[in-house]
Amino acid sequence: MKALNKLSAILLLSAGAFCHQALADNNVFTSMDDPSTAKKPFEGSASAGYLAQSGNTTSSSLSAQTNMTWYQPNTAYSLWGNASNTSSNDERASETYQVGGRTRYNMTDYDYLFGQASWLSDRLNGYDGRTFFAAGYGRQILNGPVHSLRVEAGPGVRYDDFHEGGHQTQALAYGALSYQWQLTDTTKFIQGVSVLGSDDTTVNSETGLQVAINDHFSLKLAYNVTWNQDPPDSAPDHTDTKTSVLLSYAM
């Protein structure tokens, strides 16, 4: 039984997420949506992981996510969604759901306009919902086959619906940096940082490594960090982290 529990713990690392659940808009980093480099009119991926453990410890973890992008000569449209649910000894430890969309229009080879919106539910971290809108200008600094780097910024607004009651709407300044480095033919390094600046500033970071297994399947190891300047009283920690290893299928 002890050996089985150790094996289950190892499988948990490769099937889902562990540590504290981040309430970040992390999917802004997962779509490199430059239509000038698109090789086909549609790209999408779906991934999922599940673990159930019983015995001295009863726990389960389920995570799933999807990302889809449609390309036209100068425009890209992206949709994404993810869900994560973890319980331990019949008590819910985390529960997050997120959906979002994004559009990008290339004005030149390096300059573009963007708009994006997302909704996040993370009630165990204090939010029944966080709705976010932003639009602005971006610059594709690097766009080669090895290195890709973009920065973007613009005004936005966020509506917070707190789990213990009450809500808040605030204007904010949005800024983000997204970088990818093709280390080998099959391995890619990913780094993204975004800042939602306001009276309650939020900083999101994602560091990841993606390894292609074949034309359709890949493994992604990611470490996400979210820092909230003024978190809800029901979840007072300023920093949340999430580490995940996901098996993805390219559509």
Protein backbone atom coordinates (compact mmCIF):
# COMPACT_ATOMS: atom_id res chain seq x y z
CA MET A 1 0.00 0.00 0.00
CA LYS A 2 2.84 2.42 0.81
CA ALA A 3 4.47 1.67 -2.54
CA LEU A 4 1.15 2.27 -4.28
CA ASN A 5 0.72 5.59 -2.49
CA LYS A 6 4.22 6.69 -3.54
CA LEU A 7 3.47 5.74 -7.15
CA SER A 8 0.20 7.66 -7.02
CA ALA A 9 2.00 10.74 -5.72
CA ILE A 10 4.42 10.56 -8.65
CA LEU A 11 1.57 10.16 -11.11
CA LEU A 12 -0.12 13.20 -9.61
CA LEU A 13 2.77 15.37 -10.75
CA SER A 14 2.32 14.21 -14.33
CA ALA A 15 -1.45 14.13 -14.44
CA GLY A 16 -2.54 17.46 -13.06
CA ALA A 17 -1.65 20.40 -10.89
CA PHE A 18 -0.35 20.65 -7.36
CA CYS A 19 0.59 23.33 -4.80
CA HIS A 20 -1.72 26.33 -4.45
CA GLN A 21 -3.97 27.03 -7.40
CA ALA A 22 -3.09 30.24 -9.21
CA LEU A 23 -5.90 32.62 -10.11
CA ALA A 24 -3.99 34.05 -13.03
CA ASP A 25 -5.01 34.91 -16.58
CA ASN A 26 -2.18 32.64 -17.64
CA ASN A 27 -3.65 31.64 -20.99
CA VAL A 28 -2.64 35.00 -22.42
CA PHE A 29 0.81 33.40 -22.72
CA THR A 30 -0.20 30.16 -24.42
CA SER A 31 -1.23 31.55 -27.83
CA MET A 32 1.48 32.94 -30.04
CA ASP A 33 -1.14 34.33 -32.39
CA ASP A 34 0.90 36.07 -35.08
CA PRO A 35 -0.98 35.44 -38.35
CA SER A 36 2.13 36.23 -40.43
CA THR A 37 3.82 33.02 -39.19
CA ALA A 38 0.76 30.74 -39.32
CA LYS A 39 1.31 27.59 -41.39
CA LYS A 40 -2.39 26.63 -41.55
CA PRO A 41 -5.72 28.40 -41.03
CA PHE A 42 -6.46 26.67 -37.71
CA GLU A 43 -4.39 25.44 -34.78
CA GLY A 44 -5.75 23.92 -31.59
CA SER A 45 -4.81 21.71 -28.68
CA ALA A 46 -6.53 19.87 -25.86
CA SER A 47 -5.03 18.34 -22.72
CA ALA A 48 -6.27 16.60 -19.60
CA GLY A 49 -5.09 14.71 -16.54
CA TYR A 50 -6.78 12.74 -13.76
CA LEU A 51 -5.67 11.00 -10.56
CA ALA A 52 -7.66 9.13 -7.91
CA GLN A 53 -6.02 7.78 -4.76
CA SER A 54 -7.53 5.80 -1.88
CA GLY A 55 -6.27 4.12 1.29
CA ASN A 56 -4.64 6.09 4.10
CA THR A 57 -5.26 9.18 1.96
CA THR A 58 -8.24 9.78 -0.28
CA SER A 59 -7.70 12.39 -2.96
CA SER A 60 -8.50 13.17 -6.57
CA SER A 61 -7.26 15.70 -9.09
CA LEU A 62 -8.72 16.59 -12.48
CA SER A 63 -7.44 19.19 -14.92
CA ALA A 64 -8.32 19.96 -18.53
CA GLN A 65 -7.67 22.77 -20.97
CA THR A 66 -8.13 23.66 -24.60
CA ASN A 67 -6.85 26.39 -26.90
CA MET A 68 -8.00 27.17 -30.46
CA THR A 69 -6.80 29.85 -32.90
CA TRP A 70 -8.13 30.73 -36.36
CA TYR A 71 -5.88 32.66 -38.77
CA GLN A 72 -6.52 35.02 -41.68
CA PRO A 73 -3.80 36.88 -43.62
CA ASN A 74 -3.57 39.75 -41.09
CA THR A 75 -5.90 38.66 -38.28
CA ALA A 76 -6.02 35.93 -35.65
CA TYR A 77 -8.87 34.89 -33.34
CA SER A 78 -8.27 32.73 -30.26
CA LEU A 79 -10.55 30.98 -27.76
CA TRP A 80 -9.42 29.07 -24.67
CA GLY A 81 -10.74 27.39 -21.57
CA ASN A 82 -9.43 25.45 -18.61
CA ALA A 83 -10.73 23.74 -15.50
CA SER A 84 -9.03 22.33 -12.41
CA ASN A 85 -10.61 20.47 -9.50
CA THR A 86 -8.79 18.92 -6.54
CA SER A 87 -10.14 17.28 -3.38
CA SER A 88 -8.47 15.67 -0.37
CA ASN A 89 -10.22 13.46 2.22
CA ASP A 90 -13.63 14.40 0.83
CA GLU A 91 -12.92 18.13 1.12
CA ARG A 92 -12.59 20.42 -1.90
CA ALA A 93 -9.04 21.83 -1.98
CA SER A 94 -9.29 23.87 -5.18
CA GLU A 95 -11.74 24.59 -7.98
CA THR A 96 -10.97 26.94 -10.86
CA TYR A 97 -12.64 27.56 -14.21
CA GLN A 98 -11.60 30.00 -16.92
CA VAL A 99 -12.73 30.95 -20.43
CA GLY A 100 -11.39 33.68 -22.67
CA GLY A 101 -11.01 35.08 -26.14
CA ARG A 102 -8.54 37.24 -28.01
CA THR A 103 -8.16 38.91 -31.40
CA ARG A 104 -5.07 40.36 -33.08
CA TYR A 105 -4.70 42.49 -36.20
CA ASN A 106 -1.28 43.01 -37.82
CA MET A 107 -0.81 46.58 -39.05
CA THR A 108 2.77 45.91 -40.22
CA ASP A 109 5.22 43.01 -39.94
CA TYR A 110 6.01 44.11 -36.36
CA ASP A 111 3.12 46.30 -35.14
CA TYR A 112 -0.32 45.01 -34.19
CA LEU A 113 -3.52 45.84 -32.35
CA PHE A 114 -5.17 43.41 -29.93
CA GLY A 115 -8.28 42.94 -27.84
CA GLN A 116 -8.97 40.27 -25.26
CA ALA A 117 -11.47 39.24 -22.60
CA SER A 118 -11.56 36.51 -19.97
CA TRP A 119 -13.66 35.24 -17.07
CA LEU A 120 -12.23 33.33 -14.10
CA SER A 121 -13.98 31.58 -11.22
CA ASP A 122 -11.84 30.66 -8.21
CA ARG A 123 -14.17 30.71 -5.22
CA LEU A 124 -11.77 28.94 -2.83
CA ASN A 125 -9.32 31.78 -3.43
CA GLY A 126 -12.03 34.36 -2.79
CA TYR A 127 -13.54 35.05 -6.23
CA ASP A 128 -16.81 33.79 -7.64
CA GLY A 129 -15.80 35.61 -10.79
CA ARG A 130 -13.15 37.94 -12.24
CA THR A 131 -14.08 39.42 -15.60
CA PHE A 132 -11.30 41.19 -17.51
CA PHE A 133 -11.25 43.25 -20.73
CA ALA A 134 -8.25 44.94 -22.37
CA ALA A 135 -7.26 46.36 -25.77
CA GLY A 136 -4.18 48.12 -27.06
CA TYR A 137 -1.00 48.08 -29.12
CA GLY A 138 1.63 45.37 -29.45
CA ARG A 139 5.10 45.06 -30.93
CA GLN A 140 6.53 41.81 -32.33
CA ILE A 141 10.21 42.38 -31.51
CA LEU A 142 11.50 38.95 -32.56
CA ASN A 143 9.71 36.73 -35.07
CA GLY A 144 12.28 34.19 -36.20
CA PRO A 145 12.10 30.40 -36.19
CA VAL A 146 14.29 30.23 -33.06
CA HIS A 147 13.26 33.23 -30.95
CA SER A 148 9.86 34.91 -30.69
CA LEU A 149 9.31 37.94 -28.45
CA ARG A 150 6.35 40.29 -28.20
CA VAL A 151 5.34 43.08 -25.85
CA GLU A 152 1.92 44.72 -25.62
CA ALA A 153 0.10 47.27 -23.51
CA GLY A 154 -3.20 49.07 -23.25
CA PRO A 155 -6.08 50.15 -21.01
CA GLY A 156 -8.47 47.66 -19.47
CA VAL A 157 -11.18 47.09 -16.90
CA ARG A 158 -11.80 44.31 -14.38
CA TYR A 159 -14.94 43.34 -12.48
CA ASP A 160 -14.43 41.28 -9.30
CA ASP A 161 -17.30 39.33 -7.73
CA PHE A 162 -16.13 38.25 -4.27
CA HIS A 163 -17.14 34.88 -2.86
CA GLU A 164 -18.04 36.29 0.57
CA GLY A 165 -20.20 39.02 -0.98
CA GLY A 166 -19.65 42.33 -2.68
CA HIS A 167 -18.13 43.33 -5.99
CA GLN A 168 -15.73 45.88 -7.43
CA THR A 169 -15.12 47.42 -10.84
CA GLN A 170 -11.82 49.15 -11.56
CA ALA A 171 -9.95 50.56 -14.51
CA LEU A 172 -6.42 49.27 -15.01
CA ALA A 173 -3.33 49.47 -17.17
CA TYR A 174 -2.41 46.18 -18.86
CA GLY A 175 1.07 45.21 -20.01
CA ALA A 176 2.56 41.86 -21.04
CA LEU A 177 5.69 40.22 -22.42
CA SER A 178 5.72 36.81 -24.09
CA TYR A 179 8.86 34.95 -25.20
CA GLN A 180 9.47 31.57 -26.83
CA TRP A 181 12.83 29.93 -27.60
CA GLN A 182 12.97 26.88 -29.87
CA LEU A 183 15.80 25.03 -28.14
CA THR A 184 15.74 22.00 -30.46
CA ASP A 185 13.46 20.66 -33.18
CA THR A 186 11.21 19.18 -30.47
CA THR A 187 11.80 21.35 -27.37
CA LYS A 188 10.53 24.87 -26.72
CA PHE A 189 11.08 27.20 -23.73
CA ILE A 190 8.20 29.56 -22.82
CA GLN A 191 8.22 32.64 -20.57
CA GLY A 192 5.44 35.14 -20.07
CA VAL A 193 4.78 38.01 -17.67
CA SER A 194 1.69 40.23 -17.45
CA VAL A 195 0.80 43.12 -15.15
CA LEU A 196 -2.71 44.39 -14.43
CA GLY A 197 -1.91 47.71 -12.78
CA SER A 198 -4.51 49.38 -10.54
CA ASP A 199 -5.24 49.97 -6.86
CA ASP A 200 -5.22 46.15 -6.67
CA THR A 201 -2.33 45.23 -8.97
CA THR A 202 -2.00 41.63 -10.20
CA VAL A 203 1.22 40.18 -11.65
CA ASN A 204 1.14 36.88 -13.53
CA SER A 205 4.11 34.79 -14.64
CA GLU A 206 4.39 31.53 -16.54
CA THR A 207 7.63 29.59 -17.12
CA GLY A 208 7.31 26.46 -19.21
CA LEU A 209 9.04 23.78 -21.27
CA GLN A 210 7.19 22.03 -24.09
CA VAL A 211 8.51 18.81 -25.66
CA ALA A 212 6.97 17.36 -28.81
CA ILE A 213 6.52 13.58 -28.80
CA ASN A 214 5.24 13.34 -32.37
CA ASP A 215 3.16 15.42 -34.79
CA HIS A 216 0.12 15.39 -32.49
CA PHE A 217 1.24 14.80 -28.89
CA SER A 218 3.48 16.85 -26.63
CA LEU A 219 4.33 17.23 -22.94
CA LYS A 220 4.33 20.63 -21.25
CA LEU A 221 5.86 21.41 -17.87
CA ALA A 222 4.71 24.79 -16.54
CA TYR A 223 5.21 26.83 -13.37
CA ASN A 224 2.73 29.66 -12.83
CA VAL A 225 2.93 32.42 -10.22
CA THR A 226 0.28 35.03 -9.42
CA TRP A 227 0.80 37.93 -7.02
CA ASN A 228 -2.17 40.00 -5.84
CA GLN A 229 -1.53 43.32 -4.12
CA ASP A 230 -4.82 43.28 -2.19
CA PRO A 231 -6.27 39.74 -2.00
CA PRO A 232 -9.72 39.04 -0.50
CA ASP A 233 -9.99 38.58 3.26
CA SER A 234 -11.12 34.99 2.71
CA ALA A 235 -7.83 34.16 0.91
CA PRO A 236 -5.24 36.56 2.36
CA ASP A 237 -2.06 35.12 0.79
CA HIS A 238 -0.60 37.50 -1.78
CA THR A 239 1.11 34.80 -3.88
CA ASP A 240 -0.34 31.66 -5.47
CA THR A 241 1.62 29.11 -7.47
CA LYS A 242 0.77 26.17 -9.68
CA THR A 243 3.07 23.50 -11.14
CA SER A 244 1.69 21.19 -13.83
CA VAL A 245 2.77 18.56 -16.33
CA LEU A 246 0.22 18.03 -19.10
CA LEU A 247 -0.07 15.71 -22.07
CA SER A 248 -1.48 17.73 -24.99
CA TYR A 249 -3.02 16.70 -28.29
CA ALA A 250 -2.69 19.02 -31.28
CA MET A 251 -5.86 19.19 -33.37
